Protein backbone atom coordinates (compact mmCIF):
# COMPACT_ATOMS: atom_id res chain seq x y z
CA MET A 1 -159.12 -132.65 -94.33
CA GLU A 2 -161.67 -129.84 -93.50
CA VAL A 3 -163.08 -127.67 -96.04
CA ILE A 4 -164.62 -124.23 -95.26
CA ILE A 5 -166.53 -122.26 -97.82
CA GLN A 6 -166.81 -118.53 -97.68
CA LYS A 7 -168.88 -116.26 -99.74
CA ASP A 8 -166.29 -114.47 -101.61
CA GLU A 9 -162.51 -113.94 -101.92
CA ASP A 10 -162.26 -111.19 -99.51
CA LYS A 11 -164.15 -113.26 -96.73
CA ALA A 12 -161.95 -116.43 -97.54
CA SER A 13 -158.78 -114.33 -97.41
CA LEU A 14 -159.89 -112.66 -94.02
CA LEU A 15 -160.65 -116.25 -92.45
CA VAL A 16 -157.20 -117.50 -93.48
CA ALA A 17 -155.66 -114.39 -92.12
CA ARG A 18 -157.56 -114.96 -88.81
CA LEU A 19 -156.46 -118.58 -88.63
CA ILE A 20 -152.92 -117.66 -88.96
CA ALA A 21 -153.25 -114.78 -86.41
CA LYS A 22 -154.96 -117.38 -84.03
CA GLU A 23 -151.97 -119.70 -84.22
CA LEU A 24 -149.47 -116.77 -83.92
CA LYS A 25 -151.02 -115.53 -80.65
CA ALA A 26 -150.99 -119.02 -79.31
CA LYS A 27 -147.27 -119.53 -80.13
CA PRO A 28 -145.43 -116.21 -80.65
CA SER A 29 -142.37 -118.17 -81.85
CA LEU A 30 -144.55 -119.66 -84.68
CA VAL A 31 -142.60 -121.29 -87.59
CA LEU A 32 -144.83 -120.33 -90.43
CA GLY A 33 -144.52 -121.59 -93.91
CA LEU A 34 -145.37 -119.03 -96.58
CA ALA A 35 -146.70 -119.05 -100.22
CA THR A 36 -146.66 -116.36 -102.82
CA GLY A 37 -148.87 -115.68 -105.95
CA ARG A 38 -151.88 -113.31 -106.47
CA THR A 39 -154.05 -115.53 -104.26
CA MET A 40 -151.94 -114.66 -101.34
CA GLU A 41 -151.87 -110.79 -101.74
CA ARG A 42 -155.14 -110.21 -99.92
CA VAL A 43 -154.14 -112.59 -97.17
CA TYR A 44 -150.96 -110.55 -96.47
CA ALA A 45 -152.88 -107.38 -96.62
CA LYS A 46 -155.39 -108.65 -94.15
CA LEU A 47 -152.36 -109.77 -91.69
CA VAL A 48 -150.74 -106.35 -92.25
CA GLN A 49 -154.00 -104.79 -91.10
CA LEU A 50 -154.33 -107.05 -88.09
CA HIS A 51 -150.66 -106.01 -87.20
CA ARG A 52 -151.47 -102.29 -87.53
CA GLU A 53 -154.89 -102.20 -86.10
CA GLU A 54 -154.81 -105.08 -83.46
CA GLY A 55 -150.92 -105.28 -82.67
CA LEU A 56 -150.54 -108.74 -84.17
CA ASP A 57 -146.89 -109.40 -83.01
CA PHE A 58 -144.58 -111.08 -85.58
CA SER A 59 -141.24 -110.16 -83.64
CA LEU A 60 -140.68 -113.85 -82.74
CA CYS A 61 -142.18 -115.56 -85.77
CA ARG A 62 -139.94 -117.42 -88.17
CA THR A 63 -140.87 -118.00 -91.76
CA PHE A 64 -140.05 -120.46 -94.48
CA ASN A 65 -141.32 -119.78 -98.10
CA LEU A 66 -142.17 -122.82 -100.26
CA ASP A 67 -140.07 -121.82 -103.35
CA GLU A 68 -138.13 -119.36 -105.37
CA TYR A 69 -137.13 -119.16 -109.11
CA VAL A 70 -133.80 -120.38 -110.27
CA GLY A 71 -131.72 -117.46 -111.73
CA LEU A 72 -133.32 -114.45 -110.11
CA GLU A 73 -131.54 -112.00 -107.74
CA SER A 74 -133.48 -111.39 -104.53
CA ASP A 75 -134.13 -107.79 -105.53
CA HIS A 76 -135.57 -108.66 -108.85
CA GLN A 77 -139.26 -107.47 -109.08
CA GLY A 78 -140.19 -110.95 -110.27
CA SER A 79 -138.52 -112.85 -107.42
CA TYR A 80 -140.44 -114.23 -104.51
CA HIS A 81 -137.91 -112.55 -102.28
CA PHE A 82 -139.11 -109.24 -103.71
CA PHE A 83 -142.69 -110.31 -103.44
CA MET A 84 -142.50 -111.12 -99.77
CA LYS A 85 -140.81 -108.02 -98.80
CA GLN A 86 -143.20 -105.96 -100.69
CA HIS A 87 -146.53 -107.57 -99.48
CA LEU A 88 -145.62 -108.48 -96.07
CA PHE A 89 -142.02 -108.42 -94.46
CA SER A 90 -141.57 -104.73 -94.76
CA LYS A 91 -145.04 -103.90 -93.26
CA ILE A 92 -144.78 -105.93 -90.10
CA ASN A 93 -142.41 -106.23 -87.12
CA ILE A 94 -140.73 -109.33 -88.32
CA ASP A 95 -136.80 -109.78 -87.95
CA PRO A 96 -135.50 -110.03 -91.40
CA ARG A 97 -133.02 -112.69 -90.11
CA ASN A 98 -136.08 -114.78 -89.28
CA THR A 99 -137.28 -114.83 -92.76
CA HIS A 100 -136.07 -117.66 -95.12
CA LEU A 101 -136.59 -118.29 -98.89
CA PRO A 102 -134.52 -120.69 -100.95
CA ASN A 103 -131.61 -118.95 -102.94
CA GLY A 104 -132.22 -119.34 -106.66
CA MET A 105 -128.77 -117.80 -107.26
CA ALA A 106 -126.79 -120.47 -105.34
CA SER A 107 -123.65 -121.75 -106.83
CA ASP A 108 -124.72 -125.23 -105.76
CA LEU A 109 -128.38 -125.57 -105.96
CA ALA A 110 -128.51 -129.20 -104.72
CA LYS A 111 -126.56 -128.08 -101.49
CA GLU A 112 -128.85 -125.09 -100.95
CA CYS A 113 -131.92 -127.49 -101.08
CA GLU A 114 -130.16 -129.62 -98.48
CA ASP A 115 -129.34 -126.84 -96.25
CA TYR A 116 -132.76 -125.39 -96.61
CA GLU A 117 -134.22 -128.74 -95.25
CA ARG A 118 -131.78 -128.91 -92.45
CA LEU A 119 -132.66 -125.23 -91.46
CA ILE A 120 -136.27 -126.20 -91.28
CA ALA A 121 -135.46 -129.04 -88.99
CA ASP A 122 -133.25 -126.97 -86.68
CA CYS A 123 -136.23 -124.69 -86.18
CA GLY A 124 -138.25 -127.72 -85.16
CA GLY A 125 -140.30 -128.02 -88.32
CA ILE A 126 -142.96 -125.93 -89.69
CA ASP A 127 -145.94 -125.19 -87.39
CA LEU A 128 -148.40 -123.81 -90.08
CA GLN A 129 -147.82 -124.09 -93.70
CA LEU A 130 -149.83 -121.69 -95.94
CA LEU A 131 -150.52 -122.91 -99.45
CA GLY A 132 -152.13 -122.09 -102.74
CA ILE A 133 -152.95 -124.36 -105.55
CA GLY A 134 -151.71 -124.14 -109.19
CA SER A 135 -154.05 -124.42 -112.15
CA ASP A 136 -152.57 -127.95 -112.69
CA GLY A 137 -152.94 -128.86 -108.93
CA HIS A 138 -149.45 -128.19 -107.83
CA ILE A 139 -148.41 -127.02 -104.41
CA GLY A 140 -145.21 -125.13 -104.29
CA PHE A 141 -143.42 -125.98 -107.59
CA ASN A 142 -144.44 -129.70 -107.15
CA GLU A 143 -145.45 -130.14 -110.72
CA PRO A 144 -147.14 -133.08 -112.11
CA LEU A 145 -145.56 -136.42 -111.50
CA SER A 146 -143.72 -134.95 -108.23
CA ALA A 147 -142.93 -137.70 -106.01
CA LEU A 148 -145.43 -137.62 -102.80
CA ARG A 149 -142.45 -138.12 -100.69
CA SER A 150 -140.10 -135.60 -102.51
CA ARG A 151 -137.72 -133.12 -100.50
CA THR A 152 -136.75 -129.60 -101.24
CA ARG A 153 -135.09 -129.74 -104.74
CA GLU A 154 -134.60 -127.98 -108.18
CA LYS A 155 -137.66 -128.43 -110.52
CA ALA A 156 -138.34 -127.63 -114.10
CA LEU A 157 -141.69 -125.59 -114.25
CA ALA A 158 -144.77 -126.98 -116.11
CA PRO A 159 -146.04 -125.11 -119.19
CA ALA A 160 -149.29 -124.42 -117.19
CA THR A 161 -147.18 -122.82 -114.38
CA ILE A 162 -145.20 -120.72 -116.89
CA LYS A 163 -148.46 -119.66 -118.63
CA GLN A 164 -150.07 -118.81 -115.33
CA ASN A 165 -147.19 -116.76 -113.87
CA GLY A 166 -145.85 -115.37 -116.99
CA PRO A 167 -147.98 -112.30 -117.00
CA LEU A 168 -146.12 -111.15 -114.02
CA PHE A 169 -143.08 -110.78 -116.06
CA GLU A 170 -142.43 -108.29 -118.96
CA SER A 171 -142.43 -111.19 -121.22
CA LEU A 172 -142.71 -115.16 -121.12
CA ASP A 173 -139.01 -115.04 -122.21
CA GLN A 174 -138.00 -113.28 -118.95
CA MET A 175 -139.73 -115.69 -116.70
CA PRO A 176 -137.53 -118.55 -115.37
CA LYS A 177 -138.25 -121.99 -116.35
CA ARG A 178 -136.94 -123.56 -113.28
CA GLY A 179 -137.52 -123.15 -109.43
CA LEU A 180 -136.38 -124.64 -105.98
CA THR A 181 -139.27 -125.85 -103.96
CA MET A 182 -140.13 -127.60 -100.68
CA GLY A 183 -141.13 -131.25 -101.73
CA VAL A 184 -144.32 -132.67 -101.18
CA GLY A 185 -142.82 -134.79 -98.31
CA THR A 186 -141.51 -131.60 -96.69
CA ILE A 187 -144.92 -130.05 -96.81
CA GLN A 188 -146.38 -133.02 -95.56
CA GLU A 189 -144.29 -132.98 -92.34
CA SER A 190 -145.80 -129.41 -91.37
CA LYS A 191 -147.92 -129.75 -88.30
CA HIS A 192 -150.81 -127.95 -89.85
CA CYS A 193 -151.61 -127.09 -93.40
CA LEU A 194 -153.80 -124.28 -94.74
CA LEU A 195 -154.78 -124.17 -98.25
CA LEU A 196 -156.62 -121.12 -99.98
CA ALA A 197 -158.18 -121.40 -103.23
CA THR A 198 -160.39 -118.62 -104.83
CA GLY A 199 -161.91 -117.93 -108.10
CA LYS A 200 -163.94 -120.29 -110.62
CA GLN A 201 -160.73 -120.95 -112.36
CA LYS A 202 -159.68 -123.12 -109.62
CA ALA A 203 -163.04 -125.10 -109.27
CA ALA A 204 -162.24 -128.02 -111.29
CA VAL A 205 -158.66 -128.63 -110.00
CA LEU A 206 -159.87 -127.92 -106.34
CA ALA A 207 -162.49 -130.60 -106.66
CA ARG A 208 -159.87 -133.21 -107.83
CA ALA A 209 -157.37 -132.25 -105.28
CA VAL A 210 -160.07 -132.52 -102.35
CA GLU A 211 -162.39 -135.20 -103.61
CA GLY A 212 -160.49 -137.08 -106.28
CA PRO A 213 -157.93 -140.01 -106.01
CA ILE A 214 -154.67 -139.39 -104.58
CA THR A 215 -152.08 -139.07 -107.48
CA SER A 216 -148.65 -137.57 -108.28
CA MET A 217 -150.24 -135.91 -111.25
CA ILE A 218 -151.88 -133.64 -108.90
CA SER A 219 -149.51 -132.79 -105.96
CA ALA A 220 -152.19 -131.19 -103.83
CA THR A 221 -154.14 -134.62 -103.53
CA ALA A 222 -151.41 -135.60 -100.98
CA LEU A 223 -152.93 -133.21 -98.54
CA GLN A 224 -155.80 -135.88 -98.10
CA LEU A 225 -153.22 -137.85 -96.18
CA HIS A 226 -152.35 -134.87 -93.92
CA PRO A 227 -153.61 -135.27 -90.38
CA HIS A 228 -154.42 -131.64 -89.94
CA CYS A 229 -155.06 -129.73 -93.23
CA CYS A 230 -157.70 -127.18 -93.74
CA VAL A 231 -159.01 -125.98 -97.05
CA VAL A 232 -160.59 -122.48 -97.33
CA ALA A 233 -162.28 -121.71 -100.55
CA ASP A 234 -164.72 -118.93 -101.73
CA GLU A 235 -167.81 -120.04 -103.43
CA ALA A 236 -166.62 -119.83 -106.87
CA ALA A 237 -163.62 -122.12 -106.32
CA ALA A 238 -165.91 -124.53 -104.16
CA SER A 239 -168.63 -124.77 -106.99
CA LYS A 240 -167.58 -128.07 -108.31
CA LEU A 241 -167.19 -129.85 -104.90
CA GLN A 242 -169.69 -132.68 -104.40
CA GLU A 243 -170.04 -132.41 -100.62
CA GLN A 244 -170.46 -128.60 -100.27
CA ALA A 245 -173.63 -129.13 -98.01
CA TYR A 246 -171.71 -131.36 -95.75
CA TYR A 247 -168.67 -128.81 -95.56
CA ARG A 248 -170.95 -125.95 -94.77
CA TRP A 249 -172.80 -127.90 -92.05
CA ILE A 250 -169.67 -128.80 -90.44
CA PHE A 251 -168.56 -125.19 -90.31
CA GLU A 252 -171.86 -123.92 -89.05
CA ASN A 253 -172.08 -126.65 -86.24
CA GLU A 254 -168.63 -127.79 -85.02
CA PRO A 255 -167.79 -125.82 -81.90
CA GLU A 256 -164.08 -125.29 -82.96
CA TRP A 257 -165.37 -122.75 -85.72
CA ASP A 258 -167.56 -120.79 -83.43
CA ASP A 259 -165.11 -117.90 -83.26
CA PHE A 260 -164.91 -117.41 -87.11
CA HIS A 261 -168.52 -117.13 -88.01
C-alpha cells in the first residue's frame, strides 16, 4: 500500500483524477471501477475538466460501479445511476452501453449479483478501482463484519451509513436500508485500487484502515493485502497517521511520482 498526502481536498482530488487519466491514456479500453458520494464529486469534476480541456478520451472505457441502493429506480435523484449520470457520464464521451451499475430494482437480486460478477469477468476484470471510505471504514456497502472474500451481494446498510448518506434524501425514512454491492473479494481482484479520503471526519477511520490490524469490522483494512493499492488523503484525513513523514518522503523521492509533484 502506498499513501500520498496532499495539502487539501482540491489537490487530493486532482491527483486522483490525474492518476485515472494516466491509466486511461495508457489503456484506452480501461475497465474502470467507480464510486459515488460527496468525496467523488470533485474527482469527477476534474475528469470532466480534463476531458473538455485536454481531450481525455473515454470512448472505449468501460465502467463498473461499486454499488446501488435496493428499491430505487435509475432516474430517482437518490440513486447512484442518477449520481453518475449527473456528475460524469453525461459530461464525457463515454458510450452509455459501457457503463454498468447493479440494478437495485431487479426482480431476482441474487441473480442480478451473479450476473454482475459474470459481466466484470467477461470484461477481463477491473483494471483500476476507485474507492472512498465510509465513516465506519466500509468500502462499497461492505459494512462491518463483511467477509473479506465476499462477492457481489445484497447487504443491509449499517446505521452509520444511513446517518452519513441520509442527508442526501428528503428524509431518513426515504433512504433505502439495503443495497447491492461488490464484495470485498471482488474489489480485491481489481488490478489496482485507488482510495481517496478527505476531511478530518475520516482521520480516525483512515488511520485504522491503513495502519491498524486487518479485520472484517473495517472492510477497508483488506486493502493492506492488495498488491497495488494507493491511498490519497488530504492533510486533514491523514492527520492521525503515524507514519506521515515516511509517506511524504516516498512521494517526494520515488521516481514513479515525479510527474505528479
